[in-house]
N, C-alpha and C. Protein backbone atom coordinates (compact mmCIF):
# COMPACT_ATOMS: atom_id res chain seq x y z
N MET A 1 63.95 -95.97 -74.94
CA MET A 1 63.67 -97.26 -75.89
C MET A 1 64.21 -98.68 -75.09
N VAL A 2 63.02 -99.39 -75.06
CA VAL A 2 63.15 -100.45 -74.31
C VAL A 2 63.47 -101.70 -75.34
N ASP A 3 64.57 -102.47 -74.95
CA ASP A 3 64.56 -103.98 -75.94
C ASP A 3 64.58 -105.16 -75.23
N LEU A 4 64.91 -106.31 -76.22
CA LEU A 4 65.00 -107.36 -75.32
C LEU A 4 66.01 -107.60 -73.88
N LYS A 5 67.00 -106.76 -74.42
CA LYS A 5 68.54 -106.75 -73.32
C LYS A 5 67.71 -106.46 -71.96
N SER A 6 67.02 -105.00 -72.42
CA SER A 6 66.66 -104.50 -70.88
C SER A 6 65.91 -105.60 -70.57
N THR A 7 64.87 -106.03 -71.34
CA THR A 7 63.55 -106.88 -70.69
C THR A 7 64.25 -107.93 -69.87
N LEU A 8 65.54 -108.58 -70.32
CA LEU A 8 65.94 -109.47 -70.18
C LEU A 8 66.53 -109.42 -68.69
N ILE A 9 67.22 -108.29 -68.73
CA ILE A 9 67.87 -107.43 -67.26
C ILE A 9 66.96 -107.18 -66.10
N HIS A 10 65.77 -106.64 -66.68
CA HIS A 10 64.48 -106.51 -65.61
C HIS A 10 64.41 -107.56 -64.70
N LEU A 11 63.85 -108.85 -66.01
CA LEU A 11 63.50 -110.18 -65.69
C LEU A 11 64.45 -110.99 -64.32
N HIS A 12 65.81 -110.54 -64.58
CA HIS A 12 66.99 -111.30 -63.86
C HIS A 12 67.26 -110.80 -62.69
N ASN A 13 67.04 -109.17 -62.72
CA ASN A 13 66.79 -108.80 -61.57
C ASN A 13 65.58 -109.06 -61.17
N TYR A 14 64.48 -109.20 -61.44
CA TYR A 14 63.06 -109.39 -61.07
C TYR A 14 63.08 -110.76 -59.90
N MET A 15 64.30 -112.32 -60.47
CA MET A 15 63.90 -112.93 -60.01
C MET A 15 64.81 -113.40 -59.31
N LYS A 16 66.30 -112.41 -58.93
CA LYS A 16 67.14 -112.57 -57.99
C LYS A 16 67.25 -112.04 -56.82
N LYS A 17 66.22 -111.02 -56.66
CA LYS A 17 65.97 -110.12 -55.45
C LYS A 17 64.05 -110.61 -54.85
N LYS A 18 64.37 -110.43 -53.92
CA LYS A 18 62.86 -110.32 -53.02
C LYS A 18 61.93 -109.50 -53.94
N ASN A 19 61.29 -109.84 -54.40
CA ASN A 19 59.94 -109.31 -55.42
C ASN A 19 59.47 -108.22 -54.76
N THR A 20 58.87 -107.40 -55.38
CA THR A 20 58.15 -106.09 -54.75
C THR A 20 57.00 -106.06 -56.14
N LYS A 21 55.69 -105.13 -55.80
CA LYS A 21 54.65 -105.07 -56.44
C LYS A 21 55.48 -104.06 -57.84
N ASN A 22 56.51 -103.14 -57.59
CA ASN A 22 57.19 -102.55 -58.09
C ASN A 22 57.96 -103.12 -59.04
N ASP A 23 58.50 -103.97 -58.80
CA ASP A 23 59.26 -104.74 -59.58
C ASP A 23 58.49 -105.32 -60.31
N LEU A 24 57.90 -105.80 -60.20
CA LEU A 24 56.83 -106.57 -61.13
C LEU A 24 55.99 -105.21 -62.15
N ALA A 25 55.74 -104.21 -61.64
CA ALA A 25 55.46 -103.19 -62.41
C ALA A 25 56.40 -102.94 -63.43
N ASP A 26 57.76 -102.63 -63.06
CA ASP A 26 58.85 -102.39 -63.97
C ASP A 26 58.99 -103.33 -64.79
N LEU A 27 59.04 -104.97 -64.77
CA LEU A 27 59.06 -105.69 -65.28
C LEU A 27 57.89 -105.98 -66.28
N SER A 28 56.99 -105.52 -66.12
CA SER A 28 55.76 -105.46 -67.12
C SER A 28 55.48 -104.07 -68.02
N THR A 29 55.73 -102.80 -67.38
CA THR A 29 56.36 -101.55 -68.23
C THR A 29 57.60 -102.01 -69.27
N ALA A 30 58.61 -102.62 -68.90
CA ALA A 30 59.54 -103.39 -70.26
C ALA A 30 58.94 -104.08 -71.12
N VAL A 31 58.28 -105.06 -70.75
CA VAL A 31 57.43 -105.87 -71.84
C VAL A 31 56.77 -105.15 -72.34
N ILE A 32 55.63 -104.25 -72.24
CA ILE A 32 54.81 -103.91 -72.84
C ILE A 32 55.66 -102.28 -73.93
N ALA A 33 56.92 -102.31 -73.52
CA ALA A 33 57.56 -101.50 -74.82
C ALA A 33 58.45 -101.44 -75.38
N ALA A 34 58.67 -103.21 -74.81
CA ALA A 34 59.33 -103.85 -75.99
C ALA A 34 58.62 -104.83 -77.27
N GLN A 35 57.23 -104.44 -77.36
CA GLN A 35 56.06 -105.50 -77.94
C GLN A 35 56.35 -104.40 -79.28
N GLY A 36 56.30 -105.20 -80.12
CA GLY A 36 56.77 -104.92 -81.37
C GLY A 36 57.88 -104.47 -81.74
N LYS A 37 58.88 -104.87 -80.85
CA LYS A 37 60.34 -105.08 -81.14
C LYS A 37 60.88 -106.16 -80.64
N THR A 38 60.04 -107.17 -79.94
CA THR A 38 60.93 -108.52 -79.69
C THR A 38 59.49 -109.10 -79.84
N PRO A 39 59.73 -110.09 -80.42
CA PRO A 39 58.77 -111.53 -80.51
C PRO A 39 57.52 -111.62 -79.33
N GLN A 40 56.17 -111.87 -79.91
CA GLN A 40 55.27 -111.72 -78.77
C GLN A 40 55.61 -113.05 -78.40
N VAL A 41 56.23 -114.43 -78.54
CA VAL A 41 56.56 -115.77 -77.71
C VAL A 41 57.41 -115.11 -76.65
N VAL A 42 58.21 -114.76 -76.97
CA VAL A 42 59.65 -113.87 -75.95
C VAL A 42 58.83 -113.13 -74.52
N LEU A 43 57.96 -112.25 -75.30
CA LEU A 43 57.41 -111.84 -74.25
C LEU A 43 56.16 -112.40 -73.53
N ASP A 44 55.33 -113.19 -73.91
CA ASP A 44 54.62 -113.91 -73.31
C ASP A 44 55.21 -115.21 -72.58
N ALA A 45 56.83 -115.02 -72.42
CA ALA A 45 57.16 -116.30 -71.57
C ALA A 45 57.36 -115.66 -70.47
N PHE A 46 57.48 -113.97 -70.18
CA PHE A 46 57.94 -113.29 -69.51
C PHE A 46 56.92 -113.35 -68.47
N ILE A 47 55.74 -112.80 -68.79
CA ILE A 47 54.49 -112.29 -68.24
C ILE A 47 53.15 -113.14 -69.25
N PRO A 48 53.11 -114.46 -69.00
CA PRO A 48 52.01 -114.87 -69.54
C PRO A 48 50.98 -114.23 -69.61
N VAL A 49 50.17 -113.88 -70.91
CA VAL A 49 48.65 -113.43 -71.03
C VAL A 49 47.74 -114.64 -70.20
N GLY A 50 46.70 -113.71 -68.91
CA GLY A 50 45.74 -114.92 -68.49
C GLY A 50 44.60 -115.07 -69.71
N VAL A 51 43.73 -115.77 -69.28
CA VAL A 51 42.59 -116.30 -70.20
C VAL A 51 41.61 -115.44 -69.00
N GLU A 52 40.82 -114.92 -69.35
CA GLU A 52 39.21 -114.29 -68.58
C GLU A 52 38.35 -114.99 -69.08
N VAL A 53 37.41 -115.35 -68.04
CA VAL A 53 36.13 -116.30 -68.52
C VAL A 53 34.97 -115.49 -67.76
N PHE A 54 33.95 -115.15 -68.34
CA PHE A 54 32.98 -114.60 -67.17
C PHE A 54 33.46 -113.54 -66.22
N GLY A 55 34.54 -112.83 -66.59
CA GLY A 55 35.40 -111.91 -65.21
C GLY A 55 36.19 -112.36 -64.72
N GLN A 56 36.58 -113.53 -64.74
CA GLN A 56 37.28 -114.21 -63.52
C GLN A 56 38.55 -114.89 -64.60
N MET A 57 39.60 -114.70 -63.57
CA MET A 57 41.29 -115.19 -64.35
C MET A 57 41.21 -116.82 -64.02
N LEU A 58 41.31 -117.66 -65.31
CA LEU A 58 41.24 -119.05 -64.90
C LEU A 58 42.81 -119.35 -64.75
N ARG A 59 42.62 -120.36 -63.75
CA ARG A 59 43.90 -120.71 -63.17
C ARG A 59 44.74 -120.90 -64.15
N PRO A 60 45.97 -121.45 -63.96
CA PRO A 60 46.83 -122.54 -64.78
C PRO A 60 46.33 -123.72 -64.73
N VAL A 61 46.14 -124.67 -65.68
CA VAL A 61 45.74 -126.29 -65.94
C VAL A 61 47.15 -127.12 -64.93
N THR A 62 46.63 -127.78 -63.78
CA THR A 62 47.52 -128.37 -63.74
C THR A 62 46.90 -129.91 -63.43
N THR A 63 48.24 -130.98 -62.90
CA THR A 63 47.27 -132.29 -62.63
C THR A 63 46.24 -132.06 -61.73
N GLY A 64 46.35 -131.49 -60.51
CA GLY A 64 44.69 -131.51 -59.62
C GLY A 64 43.95 -130.90 -60.55
N THR A 65 43.50 -130.27 -61.70
CA THR A 65 42.81 -129.35 -62.35
C THR A 65 42.36 -130.57 -63.13
N TRP A 66 43.61 -131.54 -64.13
CA TRP A 66 43.12 -132.96 -65.00
C TRP A 66 42.37 -133.81 -63.62
N MET A 67 42.92 -134.04 -62.57
CA MET A 67 42.05 -135.00 -61.31
C MET A 67 40.57 -134.82 -61.26
N SER A 68 40.14 -133.38 -61.46
CA SER A 68 39.11 -132.89 -60.42
C SER A 68 38.12 -133.17 -62.10
N LEU A 69 38.49 -132.73 -63.02
CA LEU A 69 37.68 -133.08 -64.79
C LEU A 69 37.64 -134.56 -64.66
N GLU A 70 38.65 -135.37 -64.02
CA GLU A 70 38.23 -136.91 -64.40
C GLU A 70 37.51 -137.14 -63.12
N ARG A 71 37.61 -136.99 -62.36
CA ARG A 71 36.84 -137.45 -61.41
C ARG A 71 34.91 -137.03 -61.61
N ILE A 72 34.81 -135.95 -62.18
CA ILE A 72 33.29 -135.75 -62.56
C ILE A 72 32.90 -136.05 -64.23
N ALA A 73 33.87 -137.12 -64.47
CA ALA A 73 34.08 -137.72 -66.30
C ALA A 73 33.46 -136.77 -66.96
N HIS A 74 34.23 -135.55 -66.69
CA HIS A 74 34.13 -134.03 -67.88
C HIS A 74 34.59 -134.60 -68.92
N PRO A 75 33.61 -134.01 -70.23
CA PRO A 75 33.52 -134.28 -71.69
C PRO A 75 35.32 -133.98 -71.79
N PHE A 76 36.04 -132.75 -71.20
CA PHE A 76 37.33 -132.80 -71.59
C PHE A 76 38.63 -134.38 -71.20
N THR A 77 37.84 -134.91 -70.37
CA THR A 77 38.57 -135.98 -70.37
C THR A 77 38.17 -137.22 -70.52
N VAL A 78 36.92 -137.29 -71.24
CA VAL A 78 36.26 -138.64 -71.61
C VAL A 78 36.35 -138.28 -73.16
N GLU A 79 36.89 -138.95 -74.06
CA GLU A 79 37.26 -138.33 -75.53
C GLU A 79 35.23 -139.64 -75.80
N GLY A 80 34.59 -138.53 -77.09
CA GLY A 80 33.42 -138.70 -77.34
C GLY A 80 32.41 -138.18 -76.80
N LYS A 81 32.70 -137.63 -75.87
CA LYS A 81 31.73 -137.12 -74.79
C LYS A 81 31.10 -135.39 -75.13
N ALA A 82 29.84 -135.66 -75.60
CA ALA A 82 29.51 -134.25 -75.62
C ALA A 82 29.80 -133.35 -75.11
N VAL A 83 29.90 -131.40 -74.71
CA VAL A 83 30.01 -131.14 -73.90
C VAL A 83 28.48 -130.26 -73.76
N THR A 84 28.36 -130.18 -72.27
CA THR A 84 26.44 -129.63 -72.74
C THR A 84 26.96 -128.23 -71.74
N SER A 85 25.99 -127.53 -71.70
CA SER A 85 26.44 -126.11 -70.79
C SER A 85 26.45 -126.45 -69.32
N TYR A 86 25.95 -127.45 -68.46
CA TYR A 86 26.43 -127.37 -67.13
C TYR A 86 27.45 -127.70 -66.98
N ASP A 87 28.38 -128.70 -68.17
CA ASP A 87 30.03 -129.29 -68.52
C ASP A 87 30.70 -127.98 -68.27
N ILE A 88 30.02 -126.97 -69.08
CA ILE A 88 31.04 -125.43 -69.01
C ILE A 88 31.01 -124.76 -67.89
N ALA A 89 30.02 -124.85 -67.27
CA ALA A 89 29.81 -124.52 -66.03
C ALA A 89 31.02 -125.21 -65.04
N CYS A 90 30.65 -126.34 -65.14
CA CYS A 90 31.57 -126.98 -64.40
C CYS A 90 33.23 -127.01 -63.96
N ALA A 91 33.71 -126.78 -65.80
CA ALA A 91 35.15 -126.59 -65.94
C ALA A 91 35.41 -125.40 -65.56
N PHE A 92 34.18 -124.00 -65.79
CA PHE A 92 34.57 -122.57 -65.23
C PHE A 92 35.11 -123.16 -63.72
N TYR A 93 33.83 -123.73 -63.20
CA TYR A 93 33.98 -123.46 -61.39
C TYR A 93 35.77 -124.32 -61.10
N ILE A 94 35.95 -125.60 -61.97
CA ILE A 94 37.27 -125.86 -61.63
C ILE A 94 38.14 -125.09 -62.30
N PHE A 95 38.58 -124.34 -63.25
CA PHE A 95 39.15 -123.55 -63.80
C PHE A 95 39.85 -122.86 -62.76
N THR A 96 38.89 -121.79 -61.92
CA THR A 96 38.83 -120.58 -61.28
C THR A 96 38.96 -121.10 -59.91
N THR A 97 38.79 -122.53 -59.37
CA THR A 97 39.09 -122.84 -57.96
C THR A 97 40.28 -123.97 -57.94
N PRO A 98 40.83 -123.20 -56.50
CA PRO A 98 42.04 -123.85 -56.16
C PRO A 98 41.56 -125.64 -56.00
N THR A 99 42.64 -126.81 -56.30
CA THR A 99 42.06 -128.13 -56.60
C THR A 99 41.45 -128.62 -55.35
N GLU A 100 41.92 -128.71 -54.28
CA GLU A 100 41.54 -128.79 -52.62
C GLU A 100 40.24 -128.46 -52.52
N ASP A 101 40.10 -127.10 -52.71
CA ASP A 101 38.84 -127.04 -52.80
C ASP A 101 37.53 -127.52 -53.74
N VAL A 102 38.10 -128.01 -54.89
CA VAL A 102 37.11 -128.39 -55.75
C VAL A 102 37.13 -129.54 -55.26
N PHE A 103 37.65 -130.50 -54.57
CA PHE A 103 37.46 -132.02 -54.07
C PHE A 103 36.94 -131.96 -53.02
N GLU A 104 37.08 -131.31 -52.27
CA GLU A 104 36.09 -130.99 -50.93
C GLU A 104 34.82 -130.68 -51.41
N SER A 105 34.91 -130.04 -52.03
CA SER A 105 33.02 -129.91 -52.71
C SER A 105 32.44 -130.66 -53.19
N ILE A 106 33.41 -131.79 -53.84
CA ILE A 106 32.98 -133.42 -54.02
C ILE A 106 32.78 -134.11 -53.01
N ARG A 107 33.09 -134.35 -52.25
CA ARG A 107 33.45 -134.62 -51.07
C ARG A 107 32.30 -134.53 -50.02
N ASN A 108 31.86 -133.29 -50.49
CA ASN A 108 31.11 -132.70 -49.07
C ASN A 108 29.32 -132.78 -49.88
N ASN A 109 29.53 -132.84 -51.02
CA ASN A 109 28.59 -133.06 -51.85
C ASN A 109 28.08 -131.32 -52.07
N THR A 110 28.61 -130.79 -51.97
CA THR A 110 28.63 -129.24 -52.70
C THR A 110 28.78 -128.54 -53.46
N PHE A 111 29.53 -129.45 -54.41
CA PHE A 111 30.00 -129.40 -55.90
C PHE A 111 28.95 -128.83 -56.65
N GLU A 112 27.38 -129.53 -57.19
CA GLU A 112 26.63 -128.83 -57.75
C GLU A 112 26.03 -127.18 -57.35
N SER A 113 25.92 -127.51 -56.06
CA SER A 113 25.37 -126.18 -55.36
C SER A 113 26.44 -125.03 -55.48
N LYS A 114 27.32 -125.14 -55.71
CA LYS A 114 28.98 -124.04 -55.94
C LYS A 114 28.96 -123.80 -57.57
N VAL A 115 28.68 -124.91 -58.67
CA VAL A 115 28.71 -124.87 -60.17
C VAL A 115 27.70 -123.85 -60.53
N LEU A 116 26.23 -124.56 -59.13
CA LEU A 116 24.84 -123.36 -60.05
C LEU A 116 25.43 -121.82 -59.47
N LYS A 117 25.61 -121.90 -58.33
CA LYS A 117 26.31 -120.58 -58.01
C LYS A 117 26.90 -119.52 -59.28
N LEU A 118 27.78 -120.34 -59.71
CA LEU A 118 28.02 -119.65 -61.11
C LEU A 118 27.55 -119.29 -61.98
N VAL A 119 26.51 -120.38 -62.28
CA VAL A 119 25.66 -119.79 -63.49
C VAL A 119 24.49 -118.57 -63.41
N ASP A 120 24.77 -118.68 -62.53
CA ASP A 120 23.86 -117.12 -62.31
C ASP A 120 24.77 -115.78 -62.75
N ARG A 121 26.26 -116.04 -63.09
CA ARG A 121 27.23 -115.01 -63.55
C ARG A 121 27.46 -115.02 -64.91
N MET A 122 27.10 -116.02 -65.70
CA MET A 122 26.99 -115.88 -66.73
C MET A 122 26.07 -116.38 -67.97
N PRO A 123 25.87 -115.15 -68.66
CA PRO A 123 25.18 -114.96 -69.80
C PRO A 123 25.24 -115.80 -70.47
N ILE A 124 24.05 -116.04 -71.41
CA ILE A 124 23.49 -116.82 -72.52
C ILE A 124 24.43 -116.70 -73.20
N ALA A 125 24.50 -115.43 -73.77
CA ALA A 125 24.84 -114.95 -75.12
C ALA A 125 26.17 -115.33 -75.08
N ASP A 126 26.77 -115.59 -73.98
CA ASP A 126 28.61 -115.68 -73.50
C ASP A 126 28.51 -116.88 -73.44
N MET A 127 27.69 -117.86 -73.52
CA MET A 127 28.19 -119.34 -73.27
C MET A 127 29.20 -119.66 -74.54
N GLN A 128 28.74 -119.71 -75.67
CA GLN A 128 29.88 -120.57 -76.72
C GLN A 128 30.92 -119.99 -76.75
N LYS A 129 31.32 -119.05 -76.96
CA LYS A 129 32.64 -117.91 -76.61
C LYS A 129 33.41 -118.48 -75.37
N SER A 130 32.92 -118.35 -74.17
CA SER A 130 33.28 -119.08 -73.33
C SER A 130 33.65 -120.52 -73.42
N ASN A 131 32.72 -121.07 -73.90
CA ASN A 131 33.08 -122.45 -73.92
C ASN A 131 34.55 -122.80 -74.76
N GLU A 132 34.46 -122.15 -75.70
CA GLU A 132 35.60 -122.13 -76.89
C GLU A 132 36.45 -121.42 -75.78
N LEU A 133 36.93 -120.77 -75.18
CA LEU A 133 37.92 -119.91 -74.38
C LEU A 133 38.47 -121.56 -73.04
N LEU A 134 37.46 -121.77 -72.83
CA LEU A 134 37.34 -122.94 -71.68
C LEU A 134 38.34 -123.93 -72.34
N GLN A 135 37.51 -124.66 -73.25
CA GLN A 135 38.08 -125.57 -74.17
C GLN A 135 39.82 -125.40 -74.83
N GLN A 136 39.85 -124.05 -75.19
CA GLN A 136 41.45 -123.73 -75.60
C GLN A 136 42.65 -123.57 -74.13
N HIS A 137 41.99 -123.41 -73.33
CA HIS A 137 42.83 -122.84 -72.10
C HIS A 137 43.28 -124.51 -71.80
N PHE A 138 41.99 -125.29 -71.70
CA PHE A 138 42.39 -126.75 -71.62
C PHE A 138 43.50 -127.29 -72.46
N THR A 139 42.93 -127.37 -73.73
CA THR A 139 43.86 -127.69 -74.68
C THR A 139 45.47 -126.66 -74.83
N ASP A 140 45.71 -125.52 -74.59
CA ASP A 140 47.04 -125.53 -74.95
C ASP A 140 47.72 -125.82 -73.64
N ALA A 141 47.13 -126.10 -72.42
CA ALA A 141 48.06 -126.78 -71.26
C ALA A 141 48.44 -128.12 -71.88
N LEU A 142 47.46 -128.98 -72.17
CA LEU A 142 47.85 -130.27 -72.58
C LEU A 142 48.98 -130.42 -74.00
N ASN A 143 48.43 -129.44 -75.03
CA ASN A 143 49.88 -129.14 -75.95
C ASN A 143 51.06 -128.51 -75.50
N ALA A 144 51.44 -128.41 -74.21
CA ALA A 144 52.38 -128.17 -73.97
C ALA A 144 53.44 -128.89 -73.53
N ALA A 145 52.46 -130.00 -73.36
CA ALA A 145 53.34 -131.52 -72.88
C ALA A 145 54.33 -132.36 -74.26
N VAL A 146 55.21 -132.27 -73.86
CA VAL A 146 55.85 -132.57 -74.82
C VAL A 146 56.29 -134.06 -74.79
N PRO A 147 55.68 -135.21 -76.04
CA PRO A 147 55.86 -136.49 -75.81
C PRO A 147 57.22 -137.07 -75.25
N MET A 148 57.49 -137.76 -74.88
CA MET A 148 59.33 -138.14 -74.55
C MET A 148 59.20 -139.38 -75.47
N GLU A 149 58.11 -139.76 -76.15
CA GLU A 149 58.47 -141.16 -77.42
C GLU A 149 59.38 -140.25 -78.43
N SER A 150 60.30 -141.00 -79.34
CA SER A 150 61.12 -140.27 -80.59
C SER A 150 60.31 -140.67 -81.65
N PRO A 151 60.20 -140.29 -82.46
CA PRO A 151 59.27 -140.36 -83.74
C PRO A 151 59.86 -141.64 -84.22
N HIS A 152 60.84 -141.92 -83.62
CA HIS A 152 61.77 -142.95 -84.71
C HIS A 152 61.79 -144.34 -83.84
N ASP A 153 61.02 -145.37 -84.29
CA ASP A 153 60.87 -146.85 -83.80
C ASP A 153 62.39 -147.21 -82.96
N ASP A 154 63.13 -146.30 -82.76
CA ASP A 154 64.43 -147.03 -82.09
C ASP A 154 64.76 -146.91 -80.27
N GLY A 155 63.61 -146.57 -79.48
CA GLY A 155 63.23 -146.80 -78.35
C GLY A 155 64.37 -145.72 -77.35
N SER A 156 64.53 -144.55 -78.22
CA SER A 156 64.99 -143.81 -78.04
C SER A 156 64.00 -142.62 -77.41
N GLN A 157 64.56 -141.47 -76.28
CA GLN A 157 63.80 -140.64 -75.57
C GLN A 157 63.69 -139.58 -76.76
N LYS A 158 62.21 -138.78 -76.98
CA LYS A 158 62.62 -137.62 -77.40
C LYS A 158 62.87 -136.77 -76.17
N LYS A 159 64.11 -135.50 -76.60
CA LYS A 159 64.43 -134.73 -75.38
C LYS A 159 64.00 -133.18 -75.52
N THR A 160 63.57 -132.94 -76.71
CA THR A 160 63.62 -131.66 -77.16
C THR A 160 62.18 -131.48 -77.99
N VAL A 161 61.57 -129.76 -78.08
CA VAL A 161 60.40 -129.90 -78.93
C VAL A 161 60.57 -130.17 -80.21
N ASP A 162 59.63 -130.68 -81.19
CA ASP A 162 59.90 -130.54 -82.84
C ASP A 162 59.91 -129.21 -83.04
N SER A 163 61.18 -129.04 -83.96
CA SER A 163 61.06 -127.39 -84.56
C SER A 163 60.41 -126.90 -85.50
N ALA A 164 59.59 -128.39 -85.95
CA ALA A 164 58.95 -128.49 -87.81
C ALA A 164 59.49 -127.56 -88.43
N GLY A 165 61.29 -128.18 -88.67
CA GLY A 165 61.62 -127.53 -89.37
C GLY A 165 62.89 -126.26 -89.16
N TYR A 166 62.84 -125.93 -88.58
CA TYR A 166 63.16 -124.52 -88.08
C TYR A 166 64.66 -124.83 -87.45
């Protein structure tokens, strides 16, 4: 029986030494075995579940992701702008491509052709669900940022996430 303590030990050992594929597999096994016995939020902290859209894993949202979206005036960064099918394809390209490659494609005027190559792999029946997943992926990343302003008007900075009364 694997419990939280075993999971933490696997994580500690994984972080402490040179990691191998077997170590990650052992950690994954421990996390899977602990499901149902350990809160999912704890398990997700060890091995976050990635988001897959159109058969590809999305990269974590970074400042580079934001800059890429901002550079093309994407609706995710422009309040009140409606999201089109083309915007979904652009977000998919940006969320699956390293920032440097995105900016290079913009500089070389190949961004649109790279986006359009992806369109052939995007079934129309999956468009609505994929749009929701892409927006959720982006929103979740933004929601993880904790504003430093205190809810009180005393000029202090907030140092912890609001526990919502817990």
